[in-house]
Amino acid sequence: MPRQPSTPRIAVWRKLERLGVARLGDGLVALPADARTAEQLGWIAEQVIENNGTATVWTATPATAAQEQAIATAMQADRVLEYRALIDQAGAALDASPGERSRIAARLRAEVRRVNRRDFFPPAERETARQAVRALVQQEETELEEAE
């Protein structure tokens, strides 16, 4: 895509990041092949072309198991960072006021769902993040019951 205006390029990269792509090179990304990712990549390719860019969606297989593992490991590492951030935020929210904690819990529940959608190779942190957010929600529910 042309460098200017930058807004369409930024929009495309944000969509790719929301899908959870692995960046393999300049403008080259990878995702596990399934119907959802193929459809999403097709839409993004159309957007690139509409903005005077060039896009081609290929179905490829890594040449070796080691290459495939390296891609999966990189994608998993990205999700680990996201889950750890959610775990930290849920832990910090335990000390928030009840109203604030409720807003944070709702936001974190939604964020866990978004990360799960791009988590093709789930790490152990996935379940830890879910549990941390559940604990936050349970604390909020317990305090509401006690107040009644």
N, C-alpha and C. Protein backbone atom coordinates (compact mmCIF):
# COMPACT_ATOMS: atom_id res chain seq x y z
N MET A 1 0.85 -1.17 0.00
CA MET A 1 0.00 0.00 0.00
C MET A 1 0.89 1.23 0.00
N PRO A 2 0.42 2.26 -0.62
CA PRO A 2 1.20 3.50 -0.58
C PRO A 2 1.41 3.97 0.86
N ARG A 3 2.56 4.58 1.12
CA ARG A 3 2.86 5.05 2.48
C ARG A 3 1.95 6.21 2.90
N GLN A 4 1.52 7.00 1.94
CA GLN A 4 0.63 8.12 2.24
C GLN A 4 -0.66 7.97 1.45
N PRO A 5 -1.79 8.19 2.01
CA PRO A 5 -1.99 8.48 3.43
C PRO A 5 -1.75 7.22 4.27
N SER A 6 -1.34 7.44 5.49
CA SER A 6 -0.97 6.32 6.35
C SER A 6 -2.17 5.65 7.01
N THR A 7 -3.30 6.31 7.09
CA THR A 7 -4.46 5.78 7.78
C THR A 7 -4.90 4.40 7.26
N PRO A 8 -5.00 4.19 5.94
CA PRO A 8 -5.40 2.85 5.48
C PRO A 8 -4.38 1.77 5.86
N ARG A 9 -3.10 2.08 5.81
CA ARG A 9 -2.07 1.11 6.19
C ARG A 9 -2.20 0.74 7.66
N ILE A 10 -2.39 1.73 8.48
CA ILE A 10 -2.54 1.49 9.92
C ILE A 10 -3.78 0.65 10.19
N ALA A 11 -4.87 0.95 9.49
CA ALA A 11 -6.12 0.19 9.68
C ALA A 11 -5.91 -1.28 9.30
N VAL A 12 -5.20 -1.54 8.23
CA VAL A 12 -4.94 -2.91 7.80
C VAL A 12 -4.09 -3.64 8.83
N TRP A 13 -3.01 -3.01 9.31
CA TRP A 13 -2.15 -3.67 10.30
C TRP A 13 -2.90 -3.93 11.60
N ARG A 14 -3.78 -3.04 11.99
CA ARG A 14 -4.57 -3.27 13.21
C ARG A 14 -5.50 -4.46 13.04
N LYS A 15 -6.11 -4.57 11.87
CA LYS A 15 -6.98 -5.72 11.62
C LYS A 15 -6.17 -7.01 11.64
N LEU A 16 -5.00 -7.00 11.04
CA LEU A 16 -4.15 -8.18 11.05
C LEU A 16 -3.74 -8.56 12.47
N GLU A 17 -3.41 -7.56 13.28
CA GLU A 17 -3.03 -7.83 14.67
C GLU A 17 -4.20 -8.40 15.45
N ARG A 18 -5.43 -7.90 15.19
CA ARG A 18 -6.61 -8.44 15.87
C ARG A 18 -6.85 -9.91 15.50
N LEU A 19 -6.41 -10.29 14.30
CA LEU A 19 -6.52 -11.70 13.89
C LEU A 19 -5.46 -12.56 14.56
N GLY A 20 -4.38 -11.95 15.05
CA GLY A 20 -3.32 -12.70 15.71
C GLY A 20 -2.26 -13.24 14.77
N VAL A 21 -2.01 -12.53 13.67
CA VAL A 21 -1.03 -13.00 12.69
C VAL A 21 0.38 -13.08 13.25
N ALA A 22 1.14 -13.95 12.61
CA ALA A 22 2.59 -13.99 12.86
C ALA A 22 3.22 -13.21 11.72
N ARG A 23 4.07 -12.26 12.04
CA ARG A 23 4.76 -11.48 11.01
C ARG A 23 6.01 -12.24 10.59
N LEU A 24 6.04 -12.62 9.33
CA LEU A 24 7.17 -13.40 8.81
C LEU A 24 8.19 -12.54 8.08
N GLY A 25 7.78 -11.39 7.63
CA GLY A 25 8.65 -10.48 6.90
C GLY A 25 7.90 -9.20 6.61
N ASP A 26 8.50 -8.34 5.84
CA ASP A 26 7.89 -7.07 5.49
C ASP A 26 6.63 -7.31 4.66
N GLY A 27 5.47 -7.13 5.27
CA GLY A 27 4.21 -7.33 4.58
C GLY A 27 3.81 -8.78 4.42
N LEU A 28 4.51 -9.69 5.06
CA LEU A 28 4.21 -11.11 4.97
C LEU A 28 3.79 -11.62 6.33
N VAL A 29 2.57 -12.17 6.39
CA VAL A 29 2.04 -12.66 7.66
C VAL A 29 1.54 -14.09 7.49
N ALA A 30 1.37 -14.77 8.61
CA ALA A 30 0.88 -16.15 8.59
C ALA A 30 -0.20 -16.33 9.65
N LEU A 31 -1.15 -17.19 9.32
CA LEU A 31 -2.19 -17.62 10.24
C LEU A 31 -2.48 -19.08 9.96
N PRO A 32 -2.96 -19.82 10.97
CA PRO A 32 -3.40 -21.18 10.68
C PRO A 32 -4.55 -21.13 9.67
N ALA A 33 -4.58 -22.07 8.75
CA ALA A 33 -5.59 -22.08 7.69
C ALA A 33 -6.88 -22.69 8.21
N ASP A 34 -7.90 -21.86 8.31
CA ASP A 34 -9.26 -22.35 8.57
C ASP A 34 -10.21 -21.41 7.85
N ALA A 35 -11.48 -21.75 7.84
CA ALA A 35 -12.45 -20.96 7.08
C ALA A 35 -12.52 -19.52 7.57
N ARG A 36 -12.47 -19.32 8.88
CA ARG A 36 -12.58 -17.96 9.43
C ARG A 36 -11.39 -17.10 9.04
N THR A 37 -10.18 -17.63 9.20
CA THR A 37 -9.00 -16.82 8.87
C THR A 37 -8.91 -16.57 7.38
N ALA A 38 -9.28 -17.55 6.57
CA ALA A 38 -9.26 -17.35 5.11
C ALA A 38 -10.22 -16.25 4.70
N GLU A 39 -11.40 -16.25 5.28
CA GLU A 39 -12.38 -15.21 4.96
C GLU A 39 -11.87 -13.83 5.41
N GLN A 40 -11.36 -13.76 6.62
CA GLN A 40 -10.86 -12.48 7.14
C GLN A 40 -9.71 -11.95 6.29
N LEU A 41 -8.77 -12.83 5.92
CA LEU A 41 -7.65 -12.39 5.09
C LEU A 41 -8.13 -11.93 3.72
N GLY A 42 -9.14 -12.59 3.19
CA GLY A 42 -9.71 -12.17 1.91
C GLY A 42 -10.29 -10.77 1.99
N TRP A 43 -10.99 -10.47 3.05
CA TRP A 43 -11.55 -9.13 3.24
C TRP A 43 -10.45 -8.08 3.38
N ILE A 44 -9.44 -8.42 4.13
CA ILE A 44 -8.33 -7.48 4.31
C ILE A 44 -7.61 -7.26 2.99
N ALA A 45 -7.42 -8.32 2.21
CA ALA A 45 -6.79 -8.17 0.89
C ALA A 45 -7.60 -7.24 0.00
N GLU A 46 -8.92 -7.37 0.03
CA GLU A 46 -9.78 -6.46 -0.74
C GLU A 46 -9.59 -5.02 -0.29
N GLN A 47 -9.48 -4.81 1.00
CA GLN A 47 -9.27 -3.46 1.53
C GLN A 47 -7.93 -2.89 1.04
N VAL A 48 -6.90 -3.71 1.03
CA VAL A 48 -5.59 -3.28 0.55
C VAL A 48 -5.70 -2.85 -0.91
N ILE A 49 -6.34 -3.67 -1.72
CA ILE A 49 -6.48 -3.38 -3.16
C ILE A 49 -7.30 -2.11 -3.37
N GLU A 50 -8.36 -1.93 -2.60
CA GLU A 50 -9.19 -0.72 -2.69
C GLU A 50 -8.39 0.53 -2.36
N ASN A 51 -7.31 0.38 -1.60
CA ASN A 51 -6.47 1.52 -1.22
C ASN A 51 -5.18 1.55 -2.03
N ASN A 52 -5.27 1.07 -3.29
CA ASN A 52 -4.16 1.13 -4.25
C ASN A 52 -2.95 0.31 -3.84
N GLY A 53 -3.19 -0.77 -3.12
CA GLY A 53 -2.11 -1.66 -2.74
C GLY A 53 -2.17 -2.96 -3.51
N THR A 54 -1.27 -3.83 -3.18
CA THR A 54 -1.23 -5.15 -3.79
C THR A 54 -1.34 -6.19 -2.67
N ALA A 55 -2.23 -7.15 -2.85
CA ALA A 55 -2.41 -8.18 -1.83
C ALA A 55 -2.73 -9.51 -2.51
N THR A 56 -2.13 -10.54 -2.00
CA THR A 56 -2.42 -11.89 -2.45
C THR A 56 -2.48 -12.78 -1.22
N VAL A 57 -3.50 -13.61 -1.15
CA VAL A 57 -3.63 -14.55 -0.06
C VAL A 57 -3.21 -15.91 -0.59
N TRP A 58 -2.22 -16.49 0.06
CA TRP A 58 -1.68 -17.79 -0.34
C TRP A 58 -1.95 -18.80 0.76
N THR A 59 -2.13 -20.03 0.37
CA THR A 59 -2.17 -21.12 1.32
C THR A 59 -0.82 -21.82 1.20
N ALA A 60 -0.11 -21.89 2.30
CA ALA A 60 1.24 -22.46 2.26
C ALA A 60 1.44 -23.39 3.44
N THR A 61 2.42 -24.23 3.30
CA THR A 61 2.82 -25.14 4.36
C THR A 61 4.30 -24.92 4.62
N PRO A 62 4.69 -24.73 5.90
CA PRO A 62 6.13 -24.59 6.18
C PRO A 62 6.89 -25.81 5.65
N ALA A 63 8.09 -25.57 5.21
CA ALA A 63 8.90 -26.64 4.62
C ALA A 63 9.32 -27.69 5.64
N THR A 64 9.47 -27.28 6.88
CA THR A 64 9.90 -28.23 7.90
C THR A 64 9.03 -28.09 9.15
N ALA A 65 9.03 -29.13 9.95
CA ALA A 65 8.31 -29.09 11.23
C ALA A 65 8.90 -28.02 12.14
N ALA A 66 10.22 -27.82 12.05
CA ALA A 66 10.87 -26.80 12.88
C ALA A 66 10.37 -25.40 12.52
N GLN A 67 10.18 -25.14 11.23
CA GLN A 67 9.65 -23.83 10.81
C GLN A 67 8.23 -23.64 11.32
N GLU A 68 7.44 -24.69 11.19
CA GLU A 68 6.06 -24.62 11.67
C GLU A 68 6.04 -24.36 13.18
N GLN A 69 6.89 -25.05 13.92
CA GLN A 69 6.96 -24.88 15.37
C GLN A 69 7.43 -23.47 15.74
N ALA A 70 8.35 -22.93 14.98
CA ALA A 70 8.84 -21.57 15.26
C ALA A 70 7.72 -20.55 15.10
N ILE A 71 6.91 -20.70 14.07
CA ILE A 71 5.79 -19.78 13.86
C ILE A 71 4.79 -19.92 14.99
N ALA A 72 4.43 -21.16 15.33
CA ALA A 72 3.48 -21.39 16.41
C ALA A 72 3.99 -20.85 17.74
N THR A 73 5.28 -21.04 18.00
CA THR A 73 5.88 -20.56 19.24
C THR A 73 5.84 -19.03 19.31
N ALA A 74 6.13 -18.37 18.19
CA ALA A 74 6.08 -16.90 18.16
C ALA A 74 4.67 -16.40 18.40
N MET A 75 3.70 -17.05 17.77
CA MET A 75 2.30 -16.64 17.97
C MET A 75 1.88 -16.86 19.41
N GLN A 76 2.29 -17.98 19.99
CA GLN A 76 1.95 -18.28 21.37
C GLN A 76 2.60 -17.27 22.32
N ALA A 77 3.84 -16.89 22.05
CA ALA A 77 4.53 -15.91 22.90
C ALA A 77 3.80 -14.57 22.91
N ASP A 78 3.26 -14.18 21.77
CA ASP A 78 2.49 -12.93 21.71
C ASP A 78 1.25 -13.01 22.60
N ARG A 79 0.57 -14.16 22.58
CA ARG A 79 -0.62 -14.32 23.42
C ARG A 79 -0.23 -14.37 24.90
N VAL A 80 0.90 -14.98 25.21
CA VAL A 80 1.35 -15.03 26.61
C VAL A 80 1.46 -13.62 27.17
N LEU A 81 2.04 -12.72 26.41
CA LEU A 81 2.18 -11.33 26.86
C LEU A 81 0.81 -10.70 27.11
N GLU A 82 -0.13 -10.96 26.23
CA GLU A 82 -1.48 -10.41 26.40
C GLU A 82 -2.17 -11.00 27.63
N TYR A 83 -2.06 -12.31 27.80
CA TYR A 83 -2.68 -12.94 28.97
C TYR A 83 -2.05 -12.45 30.26
N ARG A 84 -0.74 -12.30 30.29
CA ARG A 84 -0.07 -11.81 31.50
C ARG A 84 -0.54 -10.40 31.86
N ALA A 85 -0.74 -9.57 30.85
CA ALA A 85 -1.26 -8.22 31.10
C ALA A 85 -2.65 -8.29 31.70
N LEU A 86 -3.49 -9.19 31.20
CA LEU A 86 -4.83 -9.35 31.75
C LEU A 86 -4.79 -9.86 33.18
N ILE A 87 -3.90 -10.79 33.46
CA ILE A 87 -3.73 -11.32 34.82
C ILE A 87 -3.33 -10.20 35.77
N ASP A 88 -2.38 -9.39 35.34
CA ASP A 88 -1.92 -8.27 36.18
C ASP A 88 -3.04 -7.26 36.42
N GLN A 89 -3.79 -6.95 35.37
CA GLN A 89 -4.89 -5.98 35.51
C GLN A 89 -5.98 -6.51 36.44
N ALA A 90 -6.29 -7.79 36.31
CA ALA A 90 -7.31 -8.38 37.20
C ALA A 90 -6.84 -8.36 38.64
N GLY A 91 -5.58 -8.67 38.87
CA GLY A 91 -5.04 -8.63 40.22
C GLY A 91 -5.07 -7.23 40.81
N ALA A 92 -4.69 -6.25 40.03
CA ALA A 92 -4.69 -4.87 40.50
C ALA A 92 -6.11 -4.38 40.78
N ALA A 93 -7.09 -4.88 40.02
CA ALA A 93 -8.47 -4.42 40.17
C ALA A 93 -9.12 -4.94 41.45
N LEU A 94 -8.54 -5.94 42.07
CA LEU A 94 -9.11 -6.45 43.33
C LEU A 94 -9.14 -5.38 44.40
N ASP A 95 -8.25 -4.41 44.32
CA ASP A 95 -8.19 -3.33 45.31
C ASP A 95 -9.01 -2.11 44.92
N ALA A 96 -9.66 -2.15 43.75
CA ALA A 96 -10.44 -1.01 43.28
C ALA A 96 -11.76 -0.90 44.04
N SER A 97 -12.39 0.25 43.93
CA SER A 97 -13.70 0.42 44.55
C SER A 97 -14.70 -0.49 43.83
N PRO A 98 -15.80 -0.84 44.50
CA PRO A 98 -16.76 -1.77 43.89
C PRO A 98 -17.26 -1.35 42.51
N GLY A 99 -17.61 -0.12 42.33
CA GLY A 99 -18.09 0.35 41.02
C GLY A 99 -17.01 0.27 39.95
N GLU A 100 -15.83 0.70 40.32
CA GLU A 100 -14.70 0.64 39.39
C GLU A 100 -14.34 -0.81 39.07
N ARG A 101 -14.38 -1.65 40.08
CA ARG A 101 -14.06 -3.06 39.88
C ARG A 101 -15.04 -3.71 38.90
N SER A 102 -16.30 -3.33 38.99
CA SER A 102 -17.32 -3.87 38.09
C SER A 102 -17.03 -3.47 36.65
N ARG A 103 -16.65 -2.21 36.43
CA ARG A 103 -16.32 -1.73 35.07
C ARG A 103 -15.07 -2.44 34.54
N ILE A 104 -14.09 -2.60 35.40
CA ILE A 104 -12.85 -3.27 35.00
C ILE A 104 -13.14 -4.73 34.65
N ALA A 105 -13.96 -5.39 35.47
CA ALA A 105 -14.29 -6.81 35.23
C ALA A 105 -14.98 -6.98 33.88
N ALA A 106 -15.91 -6.09 33.56
CA ALA A 106 -16.61 -6.18 32.27
C ALA A 106 -15.62 -5.99 31.11
N ARG A 107 -14.73 -5.02 31.26
CA ARG A 107 -13.73 -4.76 30.21
C ARG A 107 -12.79 -5.95 30.05
N LEU A 108 -12.35 -6.51 31.17
CA LEU A 108 -11.42 -7.64 31.10
C LEU A 108 -12.08 -8.90 30.54
N ARG A 109 -13.35 -9.12 30.88
CA ARG A 109 -14.06 -10.27 30.29
C ARG A 109 -14.09 -10.14 28.76
N ALA A 110 -14.40 -8.95 28.28
CA ALA A 110 -14.44 -8.73 26.84
C ALA A 110 -13.05 -8.90 26.22
N GLU A 111 -12.04 -8.42 26.92
CA GLU A 111 -10.67 -8.53 26.40
C GLU A 111 -10.21 -9.99 26.36
N VAL A 112 -10.57 -10.78 27.36
CA VAL A 112 -10.23 -12.21 27.34
C VAL A 112 -10.85 -12.87 26.12
N ARG A 113 -12.11 -12.54 25.82
CA ARG A 113 -12.76 -13.10 24.62
C ARG A 113 -12.02 -12.70 23.34
N ARG A 114 -11.59 -11.44 23.26
CA ARG A 114 -10.87 -10.98 22.06
C ARG A 114 -9.53 -11.71 21.92
N VAL A 115 -8.81 -11.86 23.00
CA VAL A 115 -7.53 -12.57 22.93
C VAL A 115 -7.76 -14.04 22.57
N ASN A 116 -8.79 -14.66 23.14
CA ASN A 116 -9.10 -16.05 22.83
C ASN A 116 -9.34 -16.26 21.34
N ARG A 117 -9.98 -15.30 20.68
CA ARG A 117 -10.26 -15.44 19.25
C ARG A 117 -9.00 -15.50 18.41
N ARG A 118 -7.91 -14.92 18.88
CA ARG A 118 -6.67 -14.95 18.11
C ARG A 118 -5.62 -15.89 18.72
N ASP A 119 -6.07 -16.70 19.64
CA ASP A 119 -5.18 -17.63 20.33
C ASP A 119 -5.29 -19.01 19.69
N PHE A 120 -4.43 -19.27 18.73
CA PHE A 120 -4.46 -20.52 17.99
C PHE A 120 -3.66 -21.63 18.67
N PHE A 121 -2.73 -21.24 19.55
CA PHE A 121 -1.86 -22.20 20.25
C PHE A 121 -1.86 -21.84 21.73
N PRO A 122 -2.95 -22.17 22.44
CA PRO A 122 -3.15 -21.69 23.81
C PRO A 122 -2.03 -22.06 24.78
N PRO A 123 -1.48 -21.05 25.46
CA PRO A 123 -0.49 -21.30 26.52
C PRO A 123 -1.21 -21.50 27.86
N ALA A 124 -0.47 -21.91 28.86
CA ALA A 124 -1.02 -22.11 30.20
C ALA A 124 -1.62 -20.81 30.74
N GLU A 125 -1.08 -19.69 30.33
CA GLU A 125 -1.56 -18.38 30.83
C GLU A 125 -3.01 -18.11 30.43
N ARG A 126 -3.49 -18.80 29.41
CA ARG A 126 -4.89 -18.59 28.98
C ARG A 126 -5.83 -18.92 30.13
N GLU A 127 -5.67 -20.10 30.73
CA GLU A 127 -6.56 -20.50 31.81
C GLU A 127 -6.32 -19.64 33.06
N THR A 128 -5.09 -19.25 33.31
CA THR A 128 -4.78 -18.39 34.45
C THR A 128 -5.47 -17.04 34.30
N ALA A 129 -5.48 -16.50 33.09
CA ALA A 129 -6.15 -15.22 32.85
C ALA A 129 -7.65 -15.36 33.05
N ARG A 130 -8.22 -16.43 32.54
CA ARG A 130 -9.66 -16.67 32.72
C ARG A 130 -9.99 -16.75 34.21
N GLN A 131 -9.18 -17.48 34.97
CA GLN A 131 -9.41 -17.63 36.40
C GLN A 131 -9.27 -16.30 37.13
N ALA A 132 -8.30 -15.49 36.73
CA ALA A 132 -8.10 -14.19 37.39
C ALA A 132 -9.30 -13.28 37.17
N VAL A 133 -9.82 -13.29 35.96
CA VAL A 133 -10.99 -12.45 35.67
C VAL A 133 -12.22 -13.02 36.38
N ARG A 134 -12.36 -14.35 36.40
CA ARG A 134 -13.47 -14.98 37.13
C ARG A 134 -13.41 -14.62 38.62
N ALA A 135 -12.22 -14.62 39.20
CA ALA A 135 -12.06 -14.28 40.61
C ALA A 135 -12.50 -12.83 40.87
N LEU A 136 -12.17 -11.96 39.94
CA LEU A 136 -12.57 -10.56 40.06
C LEU A 136 -14.09 -10.44 40.02
N VAL A 137 -14.71 -11.14 39.09
CA VAL A 137 -16.18 -11.12 38.97
C VAL A 137 -16.82 -11.71 40.21
N GLN A 138 -16.27 -12.82 40.70
CA GLN A 138 -16.82 -13.46 41.90
C GLN A 138 -16.71 -12.57 43.12
N GLN A 139 -15.60 -11.84 43.24
CA GLN A 139 -15.45 -10.93 44.38
C GLN A 139 -16.52 -9.85 44.29
N GLU A 140 -16.75 -9.35 43.09
CA GLU A 140 -17.77 -8.31 42.90
C GLU A 140 -19.15 -8.85 43.26
N GLU A 141 -19.47 -10.06 42.82
CA GLU A 141 -20.77 -10.66 43.13
C GLU A 141 -20.93 -10.92 44.62
N THR A 142 -19.88 -11.37 45.27
CA THR A 142 -19.92 -11.65 46.70
C THR A 142 -20.18 -10.36 47.47
N GLU A 143 -19.51 -9.29 47.10
CA GLU A 143 -19.69 -8.02 47.79
C GLU A 143 -21.10 -7.47 47.57
N LEU A 144 -21.66 -7.68 46.38
CA LEU A 144 -23.03 -7.23 46.12
C LEU A 144 -24.02 -8.01 46.97
N GLU A 145 -23.81 -9.32 47.10
CA GLU A 145 -24.69 -10.15 47.94
C GLU A 145 -24.59 -9.73 49.40
N GLU A 146 -23.40 -9.43 49.87
CA GLU A 146 -23.20 -9.04 51.26
C GLU A 146 -23.85 -7.68 51.54
N ALA A 147 -23.89 -6.81 50.55
CA ALA A 147 -24.46 -5.48 50.73
C ALA A 147 -25.98 -5.53 50.79
N GLU A 148 -26.57 -6.59 50.25
CA GLU A 148 -28.04 -6.69 50.23
C GLU A 148 -28.62 -7.14 51.51
